[in-house]
Amino acid sequence: MTRVEASDGSLKVEVLGWDKLWAFKSRLEFPLEHLVRVRPWDKEMDGKWRGLRAPGTSWPGLIVAGTYHVNGEHVFYDVHDFANAVVVELRDEWYARLIVEVTEPKAVLGLVPTMSA
């Protein structure tokens, strides 16, 4: 699970609890101008190949966390329940996307209203 907030011109993603260990990260931060869009998790993506884990953790039905490499892009995951996941699309960053679980997806979608889908 993560906590996502926008303040001081940055999007801040804090990885919570034991997920820091599983994701190999505790915090990510990006300038708001590097956000392309924030959208809910697309259920059509369920079951699709997530890419090569490096470093990361994956236990089917339990957790997907860490950095995954797919089609030349880097994607950061921290998700236990995809029903509460949001996708943050970025440009000009090492990560192309963040797919993270949050307690209130609608609130995160509203952080950047002009870029939410």
PDB file of N, CA and C in Angstrom:
ATOM      1  N   MET A   1       0.849  -1.174   0.000  1.00  0.00           N
ATOM      2  CA  MET A   1       0.000   0.000   0.000  1.00  0.00           C
ATOM      3  C   MET A   1       0.897   1.240   0.000  1.00  0.00           C
ATOM      4  N   THR A   2       0.398   2.289  -0.605  1.00  0.00           N
ATOM      5  CA  THR A   2       1.144   3.542  -0.668  1.00  0.00           C
ATOM      6  C   THR A   2       0.275   4.706  -0.227  1.00  0.00           C
ATOM      7  N   ARG A   3       0.939   5.797   0.093  1.00  0.00           N
ATOM      8  CA  ARG A   3       0.274   7.074   0.343  1.00  0.00           C
ATOM      9  C   ARG A   3       0.771   8.002  -0.761  1.00  0.00           C
ATOM     10  N   VAL A   4      -0.164   8.625  -1.492  1.00  0.00           N
ATOM     11  CA  VAL A   4       0.183   9.505  -2.604  1.00  0.00           C
ATOM     12  C   VAL A   4      -0.344  10.896  -2.290  1.00  0.00           C
ATOM     13  N   GLU A   5       0.520  11.903  -2.469  1.00  0.00           N
ATOM     14  CA  GLU A   5       0.090  13.287  -2.263  1.00  0.00           C
ATOM     15  C   GLU A   5       0.807  14.196  -3.242  1.00  0.00           C
ATOM     16  N   ALA A   6       0.160  15.306  -3.525  1.00  0.00           N
ATOM     17  CA  ALA A   6       0.760  16.336  -4.380  1.00  0.00           C
ATOM     18  C   ALA A   6       0.950  17.577  -3.519  1.00  0.00           C
ATOM     19  N   SER A   7       2.201  18.015  -3.396  1.00  0.00           N
ATOM     20  CA  SER A   7       2.492  19.229  -2.643  1.00  0.00           C
ATOM     21  C   SER A   7       3.830  19.797  -3.091  1.00  0.00           C
ATOM     22  N   ASP A   8       3.967  21.094  -2.951  1.00  0.00           N
ATOM     23  CA  ASP A   8       5.215  21.779  -3.296  1.00  0.00           C
ATOM     24  C   ASP A   8       5.676  21.467  -4.720  1.00  0.00           C
ATOM     25  N   GLY A   9       4.722  21.321  -5.643  1.00  0.00           N
ATOM     26  CA  GLY A   9       5.069  21.075  -7.032  1.00  0.00           C
ATOM     27  C   GLY A   9       5.534  19.668  -7.336  1.00  0.00           C
ATOM     28  N   SER A  10       5.341  18.746  -6.396  1.00  0.00           N
ATOM     29  CA  SER A  10       5.801  17.365  -6.592  1.00  0.00           C
ATOM     30  C   SER A  10       4.702  16.367  -6.277  1.00  0.00           C
ATOM     31  N   LEU A  11       4.774  15.234  -6.963  1.00  0.00           N
ATOM     32  CA  LEU A  11       3.955  14.092  -6.612  1.00  0.00           C
ATOM     33  C   LEU A  11       4.822  13.211  -5.733  1.00  0.00           C
ATOM     34  N   LYS A  12       4.352  12.926  -4.524  1.00  0.00           N
ATOM     35  CA  LYS A  12       5.122  12.131  -3.570  1.00  0.00           C
ATOM     36  C   LYS A  12       4.396  10.820  -3.311  1.00  0.00           C
ATOM     37  N   VAL A  13       5.120   9.728  -3.458  1.00  0.00           N
ATOM     38  CA  VAL A  13       4.576   8.394  -3.238  1.00  0.00           C
ATOM     39  C   VAL A  13       5.389   7.759  -2.123  1.00  0.00           C
ATOM     40  N   GLU A  14       4.720   7.480  -1.006  1.00  0.00           N
ATOM     41  CA  GLU A  14       5.390   6.842   0.127  1.00  0.00           C
ATOM     42  C   GLU A  14       4.918   5.394   0.220  1.00  0.00           C
ATOM     43  N   VAL A  15       5.843   4.474   0.187  1.00  0.00           N
ATOM     44  CA  VAL A  15       5.534   3.053   0.327  1.00  0.00           C
ATOM     45  C   VAL A  15       5.423   2.775   1.826  1.00  0.00           C
ATOM     46  N   LEU A  16       4.350   2.108   2.230  1.00  0.00           N
ATOM     47  CA  LEU A  16       4.052   1.925   3.652  1.00  0.00           C
ATOM     48  C   LEU A  16       4.364   0.514   4.144  1.00  0.00           C
ATOM     49  N   GLY A  17       4.699   0.438   5.413  1.00  0.00           N
ATOM     50  CA  GLY A  17       4.865  -0.845   6.098  1.00  0.00           C
ATOM     51  C   GLY A  17       5.880  -1.779   5.475  1.00  0.00           C
ATOM     52  N   TRP A  18       5.527  -3.077   5.518  1.00  0.00           N
ATOM     53  CA  TRP A  18       6.415  -4.106   4.995  1.00  0.00           C
ATOM     54  C   TRP A  18       6.598  -4.007   3.485  1.00  0.00           C
ATOM     55  N   ASP A  19       5.713  -3.268   2.821  1.00  0.00           N
ATOM     56  CA  ASP A  19       5.844  -3.126   1.368  1.00  0.00           C
ATOM     57  C   ASP A  19       7.165  -2.477   0.982  1.00  0.00           C
ATOM     58  N   LYS A  20       7.766  -1.720   1.889  1.00  0.00           N
ATOM     59  CA  LYS A  20       9.096  -1.144   1.622  1.00  0.00           C
ATOM     60  C   LYS A  20      10.100  -2.262   1.332  1.00  0.00           C
ATOM     61  N   LEU A  21       9.995  -3.329   2.078  1.00  0.00           N
ATOM     62  CA  LEU A  21      10.887  -4.473   1.887  1.00  0.00           C
ATOM     63  C   LEU A  21      10.580  -5.174   0.558  1.00  0.00           C
ATOM     64  N   TRP A  22       9.288  -5.417   0.284  1.00  0.00           N
ATOM     65  CA  TRP A  22       8.894  -6.154  -0.911  1.00  0.00           C
ATOM     66  C   TRP A  22       9.141  -5.353  -2.188  1.00  0.00           C
ATOM     67  N   ALA A  23       9.001  -4.020  -2.106  1.00  0.00           N
ATOM     68  CA  ALA A  23       9.144  -3.167  -3.292  1.00  0.00           C
ATOM     69  C   ALA A  23      10.573  -2.647  -3.485  1.00  0.00           C
ATOM     70  N   PHE A  24      11.418  -2.825  -2.478  1.00  0.00           N
ATOM     71  CA  PHE A  24      12.790  -2.324  -2.526  1.00  0.00           C
ATOM     72  C   PHE A  24      12.842  -0.799  -2.658  1.00  0.00           C
ATOM     73  N   LYS A  25      11.798  -0.121  -2.218  1.00  0.00           N
ATOM     74  CA  LYS A  25      11.729   1.347  -2.243  1.00  0.00           C
ATOM     75  C   LYS A  25      10.912   1.793  -1.040  1.00  0.00           C
ATOM     76  N   SER A  26      11.197   3.001  -0.571  1.00  0.00           N
ATOM     77  CA  SER A  26      10.372   3.559   0.492  1.00  0.00           C
ATOM     78  C   SER A  26       9.663   4.836   0.060  1.00  0.00           C
ATOM     79  N   ARG A  27      10.218   5.514  -0.950  1.00  0.00           N
ATOM     80  CA  ARG A  27       9.637   6.790  -1.361  1.00  0.00           C
ATOM     81  C   ARG A  27      10.039   7.100  -2.798  1.00  0.00           C
ATOM     82  N   LEU A  28       9.095   7.664  -3.541  1.00  0.00           N
ATOM     83  CA  LEU A  28       9.349   8.147  -4.895  1.00  0.00           C
ATOM     84  C   LEU A  28       8.807   9.568  -4.982  1.00  0.00           C
ATOM     85  N   GLU A  29       9.471  10.402  -5.752  1.00  0.00           N
ATOM     86  CA  GLU A  29       9.016  11.783  -5.896  1.00  0.00           C
ATOM     87  C   GLU A  29       9.280  12.254  -7.325  1.00  0.00           C
ATOM     88  N   PHE A  30       8.294  12.947  -7.899  1.00  0.00           N
ATOM     89  CA  PHE A  30       8.382  13.406  -9.283  1.00  0.00           C
ATOM     90  C   PHE A  30       7.795  14.805  -9.396  1.00  0.00           C
ATOM     91  N   PRO A  31       8.352  15.670 -10.235  1.00  0.00           N
ATOM     92  CA  PRO A  31       7.749  16.989 -10.466  1.00  0.00           C
ATOM     93  C   PRO A  31       6.358  16.816 -11.089  1.00  0.00           C
ATOM     94  N   LEU A  32       5.407  17.627 -10.666  1.00  0.00           N
ATOM     95  CA  LEU A  32       4.051  17.527 -11.206  1.00  0.00           C
ATOM     96  C   LEU A  32       4.019  17.723 -12.716  1.00  0.00           C
ATOM     97  N   GLU A  33       4.930  18.522 -13.258  1.00  0.00           N
ATOM     98  CA  GLU A  33       4.922  18.738 -14.708  1.00  0.00           C
ATOM     99  C   GLU A  33       5.339  17.494 -15.497  1.00  0.00           C
ATOM    100  N   HIS A  34       5.835  16.457 -14.823  1.00  0.00           N
ATOM    101  CA  HIS A  34       6.189  15.212 -15.499  1.00  0.00           C
ATOM    102  C   HIS A  34       5.041  14.210 -15.521  1.00  0.00           C
ATOM    103  N   LEU A  35       3.923  14.568 -14.885  1.00  0.00           N
ATOM    104  CA  LEU A  35       2.733  13.713 -14.925  1.00  0.00           C
ATOM    105  C   LEU A  35       2.058  13.831 -16.278  1.00  0.00           C
ATOM    106  N   VAL A  36       1.753  12.700 -16.881  1.00  0.00           N
ATOM    107  CA  VAL A  36       0.988  12.690 -18.121  1.00  0.00           C
ATOM    108  C   VAL A  36      -0.487  12.557 -17.771  1.00  0.00           C
ATOM    109  N   ARG A  37      -0.787  11.575 -16.920  1.00  0.00           N
ATOM    110  CA  ARG A  37      -2.157  11.411 -16.443  1.00  0.00           C
ATOM    111  C   ARG A  37      -2.196  10.448 -15.275  1.00  0.00           C
ATOM    112  N   VAL A  38      -3.288  10.535 -14.521  1.00  0.00           N
ATOM    113  CA  VAL A  38      -3.560   9.628 -13.410  1.00  0.00           C
ATOM    114  C   VAL A  38      -4.910   9.009 -13.712  1.00  0.00           C
ATOM    115  N   ARG A  39      -4.955   7.673 -13.677  1.00  0.00           N
ATOM    116  CA  ARG A  39      -6.200   6.991 -14.029  1.00  0.00           C
ATOM    117  C   ARG A  39      -6.392   5.766 -13.148  1.00  0.00           C
ATOM    118  N   PRO A  40      -7.613   5.259 -13.077  1.00  0.00           N
ATOM    119  CA  PRO A  40      -7.835   4.027 -12.325  1.00  0.00           C
ATOM    120  C   PRO A  40      -7.212   2.837 -13.039  1.00  0.00           C
ATOM    121  N   TRP A  41      -6.939   1.783 -12.305  1.00  0.00           N
ATOM    122  CA  TRP A  41      -6.433   0.535 -12.879  1.00  0.00           C
ATOM    123  C   TRP A  41      -7.459   0.004 -13.866  1.00  0.00           C
ATOM    124  N   ASP A  42      -7.011  -0.440 -14.999  1.00  0.00           N
ATOM    125  CA  ASP A  42      -7.853  -0.985 -16.054  1.00  0.00           C
ATOM    126  C   ASP A  42      -7.981  -2.491 -15.841  1.00  0.00           C
ATOM    127  N   LYS A  43      -9.166  -2.956 -15.526  1.00  0.00           N
ATOM    128  CA  LYS A  43      -9.381  -4.378 -15.236  1.00  0.00           C
ATOM    129  C   LYS A  43      -9.004  -5.282 -16.406  1.00  0.00           C
ATOM    130  N   GLU A  44      -8.963  -4.735 -17.626  1.00  0.00           N
ATOM    131  CA  GLU A  44      -8.556  -5.532 -18.783  1.00  0.00           C
ATOM    132  C   GLU A  44      -7.086  -5.921 -18.709  1.00  0.00           C
ATOM    133  N   MET A  45      -6.315  -5.249 -17.852  1.00  0.00           N
ATOM    134  CA  MET A  45      -4.895  -5.560 -17.700  1.00  0.00           C
ATOM    135  C   MET A  45      -4.674  -6.763 -16.778  1.00  0.00           C
ATOM    136  N   ASP A  46      -5.702  -7.168 -16.024  1.00  0.00           N
ATOM    137  CA  ASP A  46      -5.558  -8.309 -15.120  1.00  0.00           C
ATOM    138  C   ASP A  46      -5.103  -9.543 -15.897  1.00  0.00           C
ATOM    139  N   GLY A  47      -4.147 -10.242 -15.338  1.00  0.00           N
ATOM    140  CA  GLY A  47      -3.670 -11.473 -15.931  1.00  0.00           C
ATOM    141  C   GLY A  47      -2.656 -11.298 -17.048  1.00  0.00           C
ATOM    142  N   LYS A  48      -2.401 -10.067 -17.458  1.00  0.00           N
ATOM    143  CA  LYS A  48      -1.410  -9.844 -18.510  1.00  0.00           C
ATOM    144  C   LYS A  48      -0.014  -9.852 -17.908  1.00  0.00           C
ATOM    145  N   TRP A  49       0.957 -10.151 -18.740  1.00  0.00           N
ATOM    146  CA  TRP A  49       2.348 -10.212 -18.310  1.00  0.00           C
ATOM    147  C   TRP A  49       2.810  -8.859 -17.796  1.00  0.00           C
ATOM    148  N   ARG A  50       3.369  -8.841 -16.604  1.00  0.00           N
ATOM    149  CA  ARG A  50       3.801  -7.587 -15.979  1.00  0.00           C
ATOM    150  C   ARG A  50       5.232  -7.221 -16.344  1.00  0.00           C
ATOM    151  N   GLY A  51       5.997  -8.134 -16.876  1.00  0.00           N
ATOM    152  CA  GLY A  51       7.374  -7.864 -17.254  1.00  0.00           C
ATOM    153  C   GLY A  51       8.355  -8.601 -16.357  1.00  0.00           C
ATOM    154  N   LEU A  52       9.620  -8.299 -16.540  1.00  0.00           N
ATOM    155  CA  LEU A  52      10.672  -8.913 -15.731  1.00  0.00           C
ATOM    156  C   LEU A  52      10.839  -8.142 -14.436  1.00  0.00           C
ATOM    157  N   ARG A  53      10.858  -8.840 -13.349  1.00  0.00           N
ATOM    158  CA  ARG A  53      10.996  -8.264 -12.017  1.00  0.00           C
ATOM    159  C   ARG A  53      12.472  -8.031 -11.735  1.00  0.00           C
ATOM    160  N   ALA A  54      12.835  -6.792 -11.396  1.00  0.00           N
ATOM    161  CA  ALA A  54      14.253  -6.556 -11.103  1.00  0.00           C
ATOM    162  C   ALA A  54      14.478  -5.177 -10.505  1.00  0.00           C
ATOM    163  N   PRO A  55      14.565  -5.005  -9.253  1.00  0.00           N
ATOM    164  CA  PRO A  55      14.236  -5.940  -8.175  1.00  0.00           C
ATOM    165  C   PRO A  55      12.762  -5.811  -7.810  1.00  0.00           C
ATOM    166  N   GLY A  56      12.202  -6.874  -7.316  1.00  0.00           N
ATOM    167  CA  GLY A  56      10.801  -6.840  -6.933  1.00  0.00           C
ATOM    168  C   GLY A  56      10.336  -8.152  -6.355  1.00  0.00           C
ATOM    169  N   THR A  57       9.043  -8.179  -6.037  1.00  0.00           N
ATOM    170  CA  THR A  57       8.423  -9.330  -5.398  1.00  0.00           C
ATOM    171  C   THR A  57       7.102  -9.607  -6.090  1.00  0.00           C
ATOM    172  N   SER A  58       6.781 -10.863  -6.270  1.00  0.00           N
ATOM    173  CA  SER A  58       5.483 -11.229  -6.815  1.00  0.00           C
ATOM    174  C   SER A  58       5.048 -12.562  -6.233  1.00  0.00           C
ATOM    175  N   TRP A  59       3.929 -12.543  -5.545  1.00  0.00           N
ATOM    176  CA  TRP A  59       3.272 -13.754  -5.066  1.00  0.00           C
ATOM    177  C   TRP A  59       1.853 -13.690  -5.601  1.00  0.00           C
ATOM    178  N   PRO A  60       1.504 -14.541  -6.558  1.00  0.00           N
ATOM    179  CA  PRO A  60       0.181 -14.475  -7.166  1.00  0.00           C
ATOM    180  C   PRO A  60      -0.936 -14.441  -6.124  1.00  0.00           C
ATOM    181  N   GLY A  61      -1.833 -13.483  -6.302  1.00  0.00           N
ATOM    182  CA  GLY A  61      -2.958 -13.323  -5.388  1.00  0.00           C
ATOM    183  C   GLY A  61      -2.622 -12.614  -4.097  1.00  0.00           C
ATOM    184  N   LEU A  62      -1.342 -12.284  -3.880  1.00  0.00           N
ATOM    185  CA  LEU A  62      -0.944 -11.652  -2.622  1.00  0.00           C
ATOM    186  C   LEU A  62      -0.307 -10.275  -2.828  1.00  0.00           C
ATOM    187  N   ILE A  63       0.696 -10.165  -3.697  1.00  0.00           N
ATOM    188  CA  ILE A  63       1.386  -8.894  -3.866  1.00  0.00           C
ATOM    189  C   ILE A  63       2.149  -8.845  -5.190  1.00  0.00           C
ATOM    190  N   VAL A  64       2.189  -7.661  -5.769  1.00  0.00           N
ATOM    191  CA  VAL A  64       3.085  -7.326  -6.876  1.00  0.00           C
ATOM    192  C   VAL A  64       3.762  -6.042  -6.434  1.00  0.00           C
ATOM    193  N   ALA A  65       5.081  -6.064  -6.289  1.00  0.00           N
ATOM    194  CA  ALA A  65       5.787  -4.892  -5.771  1.00  0.00           C
ATOM    195  C   ALA A  65       7.176  -4.795  -6.372  1.00  0.00           C
ATOM    196  N   GLY A  66       7.622  -3.567  -6.576  1.00  0.00           N
ATOM    197  CA  GLY A  66       8.972  -3.333  -7.059  1.00  0.00           C
ATOM    198  C   GLY A  66       9.015  -2.848  -8.488  1.00  0.00           C
ATOM    199  N   THR A  67      10.194  -2.952  -9.072  1.00  0.00           N
ATOM    200  CA  THR A  67      10.439  -2.480 -10.432  1.00  0.00           C
ATOM    201  C   THR A  67      10.301  -3.637 -11.408  1.00  0.00           C
ATOM    202  N   TYR A  68       9.550  -3.400 -12.460  1.00  0.00           N
ATOM    203  CA  TYR A  68       9.348  -4.376 -13.519  1.00  0.00           C
ATOM    204  C   TYR A  68       9.757  -3.738 -14.832  1.00  0.00           C
ATOM    205  N   HIS A  69      10.355  -4.522 -15.710  1.00  0.00           N
ATOM    206  CA  HIS A  69      10.831  -4.044 -17.005  1.00  0.00           C
ATOM    207  C   HIS A  69      10.017  -4.740 -18.091  1.00  0.00           C
ATOM    208  N   VAL A  70       9.334  -3.955 -18.917  1.00  0.00           N
ATOM    209  CA  VAL A  70       8.527  -4.529 -19.989  1.00  0.00           C
ATOM    210  C   VAL A  70       8.581  -3.610 -21.206  1.00  0.00           C
ATOM    211  N   ASN A  71       8.895  -4.208 -22.351  1.00  0.00           N
ATOM    212  CA  ASN A  71       8.942  -3.483 -23.623  1.00  0.00           C
ATOM    213  C   ASN A  71       9.794  -2.219 -23.545  1.00  0.00           C
ATOM    214  N   GLY A  72      10.929  -2.305 -22.879  1.00  0.00           N
ATOM    215  CA  GLY A  72      11.841  -1.177 -22.797  1.00  0.00           C
ATOM    216  C   GLY A  72      11.441  -0.098 -21.812  1.00  0.00           C
ATOM    217  N   GLU A  73      10.392  -0.317 -21.045  1.00  0.00           N
ATOM    218  CA  GLU A  73       9.946   0.661 -20.054  1.00  0.00           C
ATOM    219  C   GLU A  73      10.115   0.096 -18.650  1.00  0.00           C
ATOM    220  N   HIS A  74      10.225   1.007 -17.686  1.00  0.00           N
ATOM    221  CA  HIS A  74      10.293   0.633 -16.277  1.00  0.00           C
ATOM    222  C   HIS A  74       8.969   1.007 -15.624  1.00  0.00           C
ATOM    223  N   VAL A  75       8.407   0.067 -14.884  1.00  0.00           N
ATOM    224  CA  VAL A  75       7.135   0.273 -14.218  1.00  0.00           C
ATOM    225  C   VAL A  75       7.314  -0.076 -12.751  1.00  0.00           C
ATOM    226  N   PHE A  76       6.831   0.797 -11.861  1.00  0.00           N
ATOM    227  CA  PHE A  76       6.885   0.525 -10.424  1.00  0.00           C
ATOM    228  C   PHE A  76       5.507   0.060  -9.963  1.00  0.00           C
ATOM    229  N   TYR A  77       5.470  -1.065  -9.263  1.00  0.00           N
ATOM    230  CA  TYR A  77       4.236  -1.615  -8.693  1.00  0.00           C
ATOM    231  C   TYR A  77       4.335  -1.647  -7.173  1.00  0.00           C
ATOM    232  N   ASP A  78       3.208  -1.423  -6.526  1.00  0.00           N
ATOM    233  CA  ASP A  78       3.026  -1.779  -5.125  1.00  0.00           C
ATOM    234  C   ASP A  78       1.533  -2.007  -4.931  1.00  0.00           C
ATOM    235  N   VAL A  79       1.101  -3.255  -5.160  1.00  0.00           N
ATOM    236  CA  VAL A  79      -0.326  -3.568  -5.167  1.00  0.00           C
ATOM    237  C   VAL A  79      -0.583  -4.918  -4.514  1.00  0.00           C
ATOM    238  N   HIS A  80      -1.558  -4.930  -3.611  1.00  0.00           N
ATOM    239  CA  HIS A  80      -2.110  -6.175  -3.063  1.00  0.00           C
ATOM    240  C   HIS A  80      -3.480  -6.428  -3.696  1.00  0.00           C
ATOM    241  N   ASP A  81      -4.281  -5.354  -3.825  1.00  0.00           N
ATOM    242  CA  ASP A  81      -5.646  -5.445  -4.352  1.00  0.00           C
ATOM    243  C   ASP A  81      -5.788  -4.449  -5.501  1.00  0.00           C
ATOM    244  N   PHE A  82      -5.845  -4.970  -6.725  1.00  0.00           N
ATOM    245  CA  PHE A  82      -5.904  -4.092  -7.898  1.00  0.00           C
ATOM    246  C   PHE A  82      -7.189  -3.267  -7.951  1.00  0.00           C
ATOM    247  N   ALA A  83      -8.219  -3.650  -7.202  1.00  0.00           N
ATOM    248  CA  ALA A  83      -9.457  -2.853  -7.168  1.00  0.00           C
ATOM    249  C   ALA A  83      -9.190  -1.460  -6.604  1.00  0.00           C
ATOM    250  N   ASN A  84      -8.132  -1.302  -5.814  1.00  0.00           N
ATOM    251  CA  ASN A  84      -7.790  -0.009  -5.220  1.00  0.00           C
ATOM    252  C   ASN A  84      -6.533   0.599  -5.842  1.00  0.00           C
ATOM    253  N   ALA A  85      -6.191   0.173  -7.053  1.00  0.00           N
ATOM    254  CA  ALA A  85      -4.958   0.648  -7.693  1.00  0.00           C
ATOM    255  C   ALA A  85      -5.229   1.817  -8.633  1.00  0.00           C
ATOM    256  N   VAL A  86      -4.235   2.693  -8.720  1.00  0.00           N
ATOM    257  CA  VAL A  86      -4.243   3.778  -9.696  1.00  0.00           C
ATOM    258  C   VAL A  86      -2.975   3.667 -10.536  1.00  0.00           C
ATOM    259  N   VAL A  87      -3.059   4.188 -11.746  1.00  0.00           N
ATOM    260  CA  VAL A  87      -1.927   4.200 -12.664  1.00  0.00           C
ATOM    261  C   VAL A  87      -1.511   5.649 -12.859  1.00  0.00           C
ATOM    262  N   VAL A  88      -0.259   5.925 -12.560  1.00  0.00           N
ATOM    263  CA  VAL A  88       0.302   7.264 -12.756  1.00  0.00           C
ATOM    264  C   VAL A  88       1.243   7.164 -13.944  1.00  0.00           C
ATOM    265  N   GLU A  89       0.915   7.848 -15.023  1.00  0.00           N
ATOM    266  CA  GLU A  89       1.749   7.832 -16.215  1.00  0.00           C
ATOM    267  C   GLU A  89       2.672   9.049 -16.179  1.00  0.00           C
ATOM    268  N   LEU A  90       3.960   8.812 -16.469  1.00  0.00           N
ATOM    269  CA  LEU A  90       4.980   9.853 -16.364  1.00  0.00           C
ATOM    270  C   LEU A  90       5.717  10.038 -17.684  1.00  0.00           C
ATOM    271  N   ARG A  91       6.324  11.206 -17.839  1.00  0.00           N
ATOM    272  CA  ARG A  91       7.219  11.451 -18.974  1.00  0.00           C
ATOM    273  C   ARG A  91       8.517  12.033 -18.428  1.00  0.00           C
ATOM    274  N   ASP A  92       9.581  11.839 -19.172  1.00  0.00           N
ATOM    275  CA  ASP A  92      10.900  12.362 -18.796  1.00  0.00           C
ATOM    276  C   ASP A  92      11.367  11.855 -17.437  1.00  0.00           C
ATOM    277  N   GLU A  93      10.993  10.629 -17.098  1.00  0.00           N
ATOM    278  CA  GLU A  93      11.400   9.989 -15.845  1.00  0.00           C
ATOM    279  C   GLU A  93      11.875   8.572 -16.152  1.00  0.00           C
ATOM    280  N   TRP A  94      12.626   8.004 -15.228  1.00  0.00           N
ATOM    281  CA  TRP A  94      13.092   6.635 -15.390  1.00  0.00           C
ATOM    282  C   TRP A  94      11.917   5.674 -15.439  1.00  0.00           C
ATOM    283  N   TYR A  95      10.939   5.888 -14.547  1.00  0.00           N
ATOM    284  CA  TYR A  95       9.713   5.087 -14.568  1.00  0.00           C
ATOM    285  C   TYR A  95       8.735   5.690 -15.563  1.00  0.00           C
ATOM    286  N   ALA A  96       8.182   4.861 -16.435  1.00  0.00           N
ATOM    287  CA  ALA A  96       7.140   5.298 -17.364  1.00  0.00           C
ATOM    288  C   ALA A  96       5.779   5.326 -16.664  1.00  0.00           C
ATOM    289  N   ARG A  97       5.585   4.397 -15.709  1.00  0.00           N
ATOM    290  CA  ARG A  97       4.326   4.302 -14.978  1.00  0.00           C
ATOM    291  C   ARG A  97       4.556   3.848 -13.555  1.00  0.00           C
ATOM    292  N   LEU A  98       3.653   4.275 -12.694  1.00  0.00           N
ATOM    293  CA  LEU A  98       3.559   3.760 -11.329  1.00  0.00           C
ATOM    294  C   LEU A  98       2.181   3.129 -11.230  1.00  0.00           C
ATOM    295  N   ILE A  99       2.122   1.916 -10.737  1.00  0.00           N
ATOM    296  CA  ILE A  99       0.836   1.259 -10.501  1.00  0.00           C
ATOM    297  C   ILE A  99       0.828   0.917  -9.025  1.00  0.00           C
ATOM    298  N   VAL A 100       0.047   1.687  -8.268  1.00  0.00           N
ATOM    299  CA  VAL A 100       0.108   1.592  -6.811  1.00  0.00           C
ATOM    300  C   VAL A 100      -1.284   1.494  -6.207  1.00  0.00           C
ATOM    301  N   GLU A 101      -1.364   0.760  -5.106  1.00  0.00           N
ATOM    302  CA  GLU A 101      -2.606   0.641  -4.351  1.00  0.00           C
ATOM    303  C   GLU A 101      -2.673   1.763  -3.330  1.00  0.00           C
ATOM    304  N   VAL A 102      -3.847   2.371  -3.231  1.00  0.00           N
ATOM    305  CA  VAL A 102      -4.083   3.447  -2.272  1.00  0.00           C
ATOM    306  C   VAL A 102      -5.390   3.173  -1.536  1.00  0.00           C
ATOM    307  N   THR A 103      -5.585   3.814  -0.402  1.00  0.00           N
ATOM    308  CA  THR A 103      -6.815   3.577   0.354  1.00  0.00           C
ATOM    309  C   THR A 103      -8.030   4.197  -0.323  1.00  0.00           C
ATOM    310  N   GLU A 104      -7.860   5.353  -0.976  1.00  0.00           N
ATOM    311  CA  GLU A 104      -8.970   6.027  -1.644  1.00  0.00           C
ATOM    312  C   GLU A 104      -8.575   6.430  -3.062  1.00  0.00           C
ATOM    313  N   PRO A 105      -8.784   5.537  -4.036  1.00  0.00           N
ATOM    314  CA  PRO A 105      -8.384   5.855  -5.408  1.00  0.00           C
ATOM    315  C   PRO A 105      -8.991   7.147  -5.945  1.00  0.00           C
ATOM    316  N   LYS A 106     -10.262   7.419  -5.635  1.00  0.00           N
ATOM    317  CA  LYS A 106     -10.905   8.637  -6.147  1.00  0.00           C
ATOM    318  C   LYS A 106     -10.200   9.895  -5.651  1.00  0.00           C
ATOM    319  N   ALA A 107      -9.723   9.879  -4.426  1.00  0.00           N
ATOM    320  CA  ALA A 107      -9.005  11.033  -3.892  1.00  0.00           C
ATOM    321  C   ALA A 107      -7.695  11.249  -4.636  1.00  0.00           C
ATOM    322  N   VAL A 108      -6.998  10.172  -4.980  1.00  0.00           N
ATOM    323  CA  VAL A 108      -5.736  10.289  -5.719  1.00  0.00           C
ATOM    324  C   VAL A 108      -6.006  10.782  -7.137  1.00  0.00           C
ATOM    325  N   LEU A 109      -7.074  10.294  -7.747  1.00  0.00           N
ATOM    326  CA  LEU A 109      -7.420  10.751  -9.090  1.00  0.00           C
ATOM    327  C   LEU A 109      -7.692  12.254  -9.084  1.00  0.00           C
ATOM    328  N   GLY A 110      -8.172  12.774  -7.969  1.00  0.00           N
ATOM    329  CA  GLY A 110      -8.459  14.198  -7.860  1.00  0.00           C
ATOM    330  C   GLY A 110      -7.259  15.065  -7.517  1.00  0.00           C
ATOM    331  N   LEU A 111      -6.104  14.470  -7.248  1.00  0.00           N
ATOM    332  CA  LEU A 111      -4.918  15.270  -6.905  1.00  0.00           C
ATOM    333  C   LEU A 111      -4.493  16.169  -8.045  1.00  0.00           C
ATOM    334  N   VAL A 112      -4.626  15.673  -9.250  1.00  0.00           N
ATOM    335  CA  VAL A 112      -4.234  16.431 -10.426  1.00  0.00           C
ATOM    336  C   VAL A 112      -5.426  16.443 -11.368  1.00  0.00           C
ATOM    337  N   PRO A 113      -6.456  17.254 -11.061  1.00  0.00           N
ATOM    338  CA  PRO A 113      -7.723  17.172 -11.782  1.00  0.00           C
ATOM    339  C   PRO A 113      -7.600  17.380 -13.285  1.00  0.00           C
ATOM    340  N   THR A 114      -6.705  18.230 -13.732  1.00  0.00           N
ATOM    341  CA  THR A 114      -6.602  18.493 -15.163  1.00  0.00           C
ATOM    342  C   THR A 114      -5.979  17.321 -15.908  1.00  0.00           C
ATOM    343  N   MET A 115      -5.347  16.382 -15.182  1.00  0.00           N
ATOM    344  CA  MET A 115      -4.681  15.268 -15.834  1.00  0.00           C
ATOM    345  C   MET A 115      -5.339  13.936 -15.520  1.00  0.00           C
ATOM    346  N   SER A 116      -6.364  13.920 -14.694  1.00  0.00           N
ATOM    347  CA  SER A 116      -7.036  12.664 -14.342  1.00  0.00           C
ATOM    348  C   SER A 116      -7.939  12.236 -15.470  1.00  0.00           C
ATOM    349  N   ALA A 117      -8.114  10.929 -15.596  1.00  0.00           N
ATOM    350  CA  ALA A 117      -9.020  10.418 -16.626  1.00  0.00           C
ATOM    351  C   ALA A 117     -10.255   9.840 -15.974  1.00  0.00           C
TER     352      ALA A 117
END
